[in-house]
Amino acid sequence: MKNAYAKKLQAVMDTRLARQQMIDMQMAKDAALIAAAEVFHMGPGRTPAYSAAFDQAIHDIAAMTVEDTKDMEYTKTKLDQRLRQICGEHFVPWEERYG
């Protein structure tokens, strides 16, 4: 009896966590769209391409993370390499970005 109840509670918690993660991701995307509009004056014409690129980048990072080892050294290295290209002198290493 306890195991069935525990499994049911875990399923509820897992569902809530998944929902919260989806909300967090959408908020991050909303913030990215707002920032792109503010800084780069991006409007409706470029929004679909930017949104698709954001989704692809998230997918690629998530896939890389899942396929990586527990220490995520590959993911950290690849992300830092790409961000160093993008940010130049304003690049912030993984350890500082993720504390």
N, C-alpha and C. Protein backbone atom coordinates (compact mmCIF):
# COMPACT_ATOMS: atom_id res chain seq x y z
N MET A 1 0.82 -1.20 0.00
CA MET A 1 0.00 0.00 0.00
C MET A 1 0.86 1.26 0.00
N LYS A 2 1.86 1.31 0.85
CA LYS A 2 2.71 2.49 0.94
C LYS A 2 3.46 2.73 -0.37
N ASN A 3 3.93 1.68 -1.01
CA ASN A 3 4.66 1.84 -2.25
C ASN A 3 3.78 2.43 -3.35
N ALA A 4 2.54 1.99 -3.44
CA ALA A 4 1.62 2.51 -4.44
C ALA A 4 1.34 3.99 -4.17
N TYR A 5 1.15 4.33 -2.92
CA TYR A 5 0.89 5.72 -2.54
C TYR A 5 2.12 6.59 -2.83
N ALA A 6 3.29 6.07 -2.49
CA ALA A 6 4.53 6.81 -2.75
C ALA A 6 4.73 7.03 -4.24
N LYS A 7 4.42 6.03 -5.04
CA LYS A 7 4.55 6.15 -6.50
C LYS A 7 3.58 7.21 -7.03
N LYS A 8 2.37 7.22 -6.48
CA LYS A 8 1.38 8.21 -6.90
C LYS A 8 1.84 9.62 -6.54
N LEU A 9 2.35 9.79 -5.34
CA LEU A 9 2.87 11.09 -4.92
C LEU A 9 4.05 11.52 -5.79
N GLN A 10 4.94 10.58 -6.10
CA GLN A 10 6.09 10.89 -6.95
C GLN A 10 5.63 11.31 -8.34
N ALA A 11 4.63 10.64 -8.86
CA ALA A 11 4.11 10.99 -10.19
C ALA A 11 3.53 12.41 -10.18
N VAL A 12 2.83 12.76 -9.12
CA VAL A 12 2.28 14.12 -9.00
C VAL A 12 3.41 15.14 -8.94
N MET A 13 4.43 14.85 -8.16
CA MET A 13 5.57 15.76 -8.03
C MET A 13 6.31 15.89 -9.37
N ASP A 14 6.48 14.77 -10.06
CA ASP A 14 7.16 14.79 -11.36
C ASP A 14 6.37 15.64 -12.36
N THR A 15 5.06 15.52 -12.34
CA THR A 15 4.22 16.31 -13.24
C THR A 15 4.33 17.79 -12.92
N ARG A 16 4.31 18.12 -11.65
CA ARG A 16 4.45 19.53 -11.24
C ARG A 16 5.82 20.09 -11.65
N LEU A 17 6.86 19.30 -11.45
CA LEU A 17 8.21 19.74 -11.81
C LEU A 17 8.31 19.96 -13.32
N ALA A 18 7.78 19.04 -14.10
CA ALA A 18 7.82 19.18 -15.56
C ALA A 18 7.06 20.43 -15.99
N ARG A 19 5.93 20.69 -15.40
CA ARG A 19 5.14 21.88 -15.72
C ARG A 19 5.91 23.15 -15.36
N GLN A 20 6.54 23.16 -14.19
CA GLN A 20 7.31 24.33 -13.78
C GLN A 20 8.49 24.56 -14.71
N GLN A 21 9.13 23.49 -15.14
CA GLN A 21 10.24 23.63 -16.07
C GLN A 21 9.77 24.22 -17.40
N MET A 22 8.61 23.80 -17.86
CA MET A 22 8.06 24.35 -19.10
C MET A 22 7.76 25.84 -18.93
N ILE A 23 7.21 26.21 -17.79
CA ILE A 23 6.92 27.62 -17.51
C ILE A 23 8.22 28.42 -17.46
N ASP A 24 9.22 27.89 -16.77
CA ASP A 24 10.51 28.58 -16.68
C ASP A 24 11.14 28.78 -18.05
N MET A 25 11.07 27.76 -18.89
CA MET A 25 11.64 27.86 -20.24
C MET A 25 10.88 28.89 -21.06
N GLN A 26 9.57 28.92 -20.95
CA GLN A 26 8.80 29.91 -21.70
C GLN A 26 9.10 31.31 -21.23
N MET A 27 9.27 31.48 -19.91
CA MET A 27 9.63 32.81 -19.39
C MET A 27 10.99 33.25 -19.91
N ALA A 28 11.94 32.32 -19.98
CA ALA A 28 13.26 32.65 -20.52
C ALA A 28 13.15 33.06 -21.99
N LYS A 29 12.33 32.35 -22.73
CA LYS A 29 12.14 32.70 -24.14
C LYS A 29 11.44 34.05 -24.28
N ASP A 30 10.44 34.30 -23.46
CA ASP A 30 9.76 35.60 -23.48
C ASP A 30 10.76 36.72 -23.19
N ALA A 31 11.61 36.51 -22.18
CA ALA A 31 12.62 37.51 -21.82
C ALA A 31 13.60 37.71 -22.97
N ALA A 32 14.00 36.63 -23.63
CA ALA A 32 14.93 36.74 -24.76
C ALA A 32 14.29 37.52 -25.92
N LEU A 33 13.03 37.29 -26.19
CA LEU A 33 12.34 38.03 -27.24
C LEU A 33 12.23 39.52 -26.90
N ILE A 34 11.91 39.80 -25.66
CA ILE A 34 11.82 41.20 -25.22
C ILE A 34 13.18 41.87 -25.31
N ALA A 35 14.23 41.18 -24.85
CA ALA A 35 15.58 41.74 -24.91
C ALA A 35 16.01 41.99 -26.35
N ALA A 36 15.70 41.05 -27.25
CA ALA A 36 16.06 41.22 -28.66
C ALA A 36 15.33 42.42 -29.26
N ALA A 37 14.10 42.63 -28.87
CA ALA A 37 13.35 43.79 -29.36
C ALA A 37 13.94 45.08 -28.80
N GLU A 38 14.28 45.07 -27.52
CA GLU A 38 14.83 46.26 -26.88
C GLU A 38 16.21 46.65 -27.44
N VAL A 39 17.09 45.67 -27.53
CA VAL A 39 18.48 45.95 -27.90
C VAL A 39 18.68 46.00 -29.40
N PHE A 40 18.07 45.07 -30.12
CA PHE A 40 18.31 44.95 -31.56
C PHE A 40 17.14 45.45 -32.40
N HIS A 41 16.11 45.96 -31.75
CA HIS A 41 14.92 46.47 -32.43
C HIS A 41 14.28 45.39 -33.31
N MET A 42 14.34 44.15 -32.82
CA MET A 42 13.73 43.04 -33.56
C MET A 42 12.22 43.16 -33.48
N GLY A 43 11.57 43.02 -34.62
CA GLY A 43 10.13 43.10 -34.66
C GLY A 43 9.52 41.83 -35.21
N PRO A 44 8.27 41.90 -35.60
CA PRO A 44 7.53 40.73 -36.05
C PRO A 44 8.16 40.00 -37.24
N GLY A 45 8.89 40.71 -38.08
CA GLY A 45 9.48 40.07 -39.26
C GLY A 45 10.55 39.04 -38.92
N ARG A 46 11.32 39.30 -37.88
CA ARG A 46 12.41 38.38 -37.52
C ARG A 46 12.07 37.48 -36.34
N THR A 47 10.95 37.73 -35.70
CA THR A 47 10.59 36.96 -34.52
C THR A 47 10.46 35.45 -34.78
N PRO A 48 9.81 35.01 -35.85
CA PRO A 48 9.72 33.55 -36.06
C PRO A 48 11.09 32.87 -36.19
N ALA A 49 12.00 33.49 -36.94
CA ALA A 49 13.34 32.89 -37.10
C ALA A 49 14.10 32.89 -35.78
N TYR A 50 13.99 33.97 -35.03
CA TYR A 50 14.68 34.05 -33.73
C TYR A 50 14.10 33.02 -32.77
N SER A 51 12.79 32.90 -32.74
CA SER A 51 12.12 31.94 -31.87
C SER A 51 12.55 30.52 -32.21
N ALA A 52 12.60 30.21 -33.49
CA ALA A 52 13.03 28.87 -33.93
C ALA A 52 14.49 28.62 -33.57
N ALA A 53 15.34 29.63 -33.72
CA ALA A 53 16.75 29.48 -33.37
C ALA A 53 16.91 29.27 -31.87
N PHE A 54 16.13 29.98 -31.07
CA PHE A 54 16.15 29.80 -29.62
C PHE A 54 15.76 28.37 -29.27
N ASP A 55 14.66 27.89 -29.85
CA ASP A 55 14.21 26.52 -29.59
C ASP A 55 15.27 25.50 -29.98
N GLN A 56 15.91 25.71 -31.13
CA GLN A 56 16.94 24.77 -31.58
C GLN A 56 18.15 24.79 -30.65
N ALA A 57 18.55 25.98 -30.23
CA ALA A 57 19.69 26.08 -29.32
C ALA A 57 19.40 25.37 -28.00
N ILE A 58 18.21 25.56 -27.46
CA ILE A 58 17.82 24.88 -26.22
C ILE A 58 17.84 23.37 -26.42
N HIS A 59 17.28 22.92 -27.53
CA HIS A 59 17.26 21.48 -27.84
C HIS A 59 18.68 20.93 -27.92
N ASP A 60 19.55 21.64 -28.64
CA ASP A 60 20.92 21.18 -28.82
C ASP A 60 21.68 21.12 -27.50
N ILE A 61 21.51 22.14 -26.67
CA ILE A 61 22.18 22.16 -25.37
C ILE A 61 21.66 21.03 -24.49
N ALA A 62 20.35 20.84 -24.48
CA ALA A 62 19.77 19.77 -23.66
C ALA A 62 20.25 18.40 -24.14
N ALA A 63 20.27 18.18 -25.44
CA ALA A 63 20.73 16.90 -25.99
C ALA A 63 22.20 16.66 -25.64
N MET A 64 23.01 17.69 -25.78
CA MET A 64 24.42 17.58 -25.45
C MET A 64 24.60 17.24 -23.97
N THR A 65 23.82 17.86 -23.12
CA THR A 65 23.90 17.62 -21.69
C THR A 65 23.51 16.19 -21.34
N VAL A 66 22.43 15.70 -21.93
CA VAL A 66 21.96 14.35 -21.65
C VAL A 66 22.96 13.30 -22.12
N GLU A 67 23.60 13.56 -23.26
CA GLU A 67 24.56 12.61 -23.82
C GLU A 67 25.93 12.69 -23.15
N ASP A 68 26.18 13.73 -22.38
CA ASP A 68 27.49 13.95 -21.76
C ASP A 68 27.67 13.07 -20.53
N THR A 69 28.89 13.04 -20.03
CA THR A 69 29.16 12.34 -18.78
C THR A 69 28.64 13.16 -17.61
N LYS A 70 28.66 12.59 -16.44
CA LYS A 70 28.10 13.24 -15.25
C LYS A 70 28.75 14.59 -14.95
N ASP A 71 30.05 14.74 -15.22
CA ASP A 71 30.74 16.00 -14.94
C ASP A 71 30.47 17.08 -15.99
N MET A 72 29.85 16.71 -17.08
CA MET A 72 29.45 17.63 -18.17
C MET A 72 30.61 18.43 -18.74
N GLU A 73 31.81 17.89 -18.70
CA GLU A 73 32.97 18.61 -19.21
C GLU A 73 32.83 18.94 -20.70
N TYR A 74 32.31 18.00 -21.49
CA TYR A 74 32.14 18.25 -22.91
C TYR A 74 31.16 19.41 -23.15
N THR A 75 30.03 19.35 -22.48
CA THR A 75 29.02 20.40 -22.61
C THR A 75 29.59 21.76 -22.20
N LYS A 76 30.25 21.80 -21.06
CA LYS A 76 30.84 23.05 -20.58
C LYS A 76 31.84 23.61 -21.60
N THR A 77 32.68 22.73 -22.11
CA THR A 77 33.70 23.16 -23.07
C THR A 77 33.07 23.68 -24.35
N LYS A 78 32.12 22.93 -24.91
CA LYS A 78 31.50 23.33 -26.17
C LYS A 78 30.71 24.64 -26.02
N LEU A 79 29.96 24.76 -24.95
CA LEU A 79 29.20 25.99 -24.74
C LEU A 79 30.13 27.18 -24.54
N ASP A 80 31.15 26.99 -23.74
CA ASP A 80 32.10 28.08 -23.53
C ASP A 80 32.80 28.47 -24.83
N GLN A 81 33.16 27.51 -25.66
CA GLN A 81 33.80 27.82 -26.94
C GLN A 81 32.88 28.68 -27.80
N ARG A 82 31.62 28.27 -27.89
CA ARG A 82 30.66 29.01 -28.73
C ARG A 82 30.39 30.40 -28.17
N LEU A 83 30.18 30.47 -26.87
CA LEU A 83 29.91 31.76 -26.25
C LEU A 83 31.11 32.69 -26.29
N ARG A 84 32.31 32.13 -26.24
CA ARG A 84 33.52 32.96 -26.36
C ARG A 84 33.55 33.62 -27.74
N GLN A 85 33.14 32.86 -28.78
CA GLN A 85 33.08 33.42 -30.14
C GLN A 85 32.05 34.55 -30.22
N ILE A 86 30.94 34.35 -29.57
CA ILE A 86 29.84 35.31 -29.63
C ILE A 86 30.13 36.55 -28.78
N CYS A 87 30.62 36.34 -27.57
CA CYS A 87 30.77 37.42 -26.59
C CYS A 87 32.11 38.15 -26.65
N GLY A 88 33.11 37.51 -27.22
CA GLY A 88 34.42 38.14 -27.28
C GLY A 88 34.93 38.51 -25.91
N GLU A 89 35.36 39.75 -25.75
CA GLU A 89 35.95 40.19 -24.48
C GLU A 89 34.95 40.20 -23.32
N HIS A 90 33.67 40.06 -23.63
CA HIS A 90 32.64 40.07 -22.59
C HIS A 90 32.24 38.66 -22.15
N PHE A 91 32.97 37.66 -22.64
CA PHE A 91 32.69 36.26 -22.31
C PHE A 91 32.84 36.02 -20.81
N VAL A 92 31.91 35.25 -20.24
CA VAL A 92 31.95 34.85 -18.83
C VAL A 92 31.99 33.32 -18.79
N PRO A 93 33.01 32.73 -18.18
CA PRO A 93 33.14 31.27 -18.14
C PRO A 93 31.99 30.58 -17.40
N TRP A 94 31.81 29.32 -17.72
CA TRP A 94 30.75 28.48 -17.14
C TRP A 94 30.69 28.63 -15.62
N GLU A 95 31.83 28.50 -14.96
CA GLU A 95 31.87 28.52 -13.50
C GLU A 95 31.26 29.81 -12.94
N GLU A 96 31.45 30.91 -13.63
CA GLU A 96 30.88 32.19 -13.18
C GLU A 96 29.40 32.30 -13.57
N ARG A 97 29.05 31.83 -14.78
CA ARG A 97 27.66 31.92 -15.22
C ARG A 97 26.74 31.06 -14.35
N TYR A 98 27.22 29.89 -13.96
CA TYR A 98 26.38 28.97 -13.22
C TYR A 98 26.72 28.89 -11.74
N GLY A 99 27.73 29.66 -11.33
CA GLY A 99 28.09 29.75 -9.92
C GLY A 99 28.42 28.44 -9.36
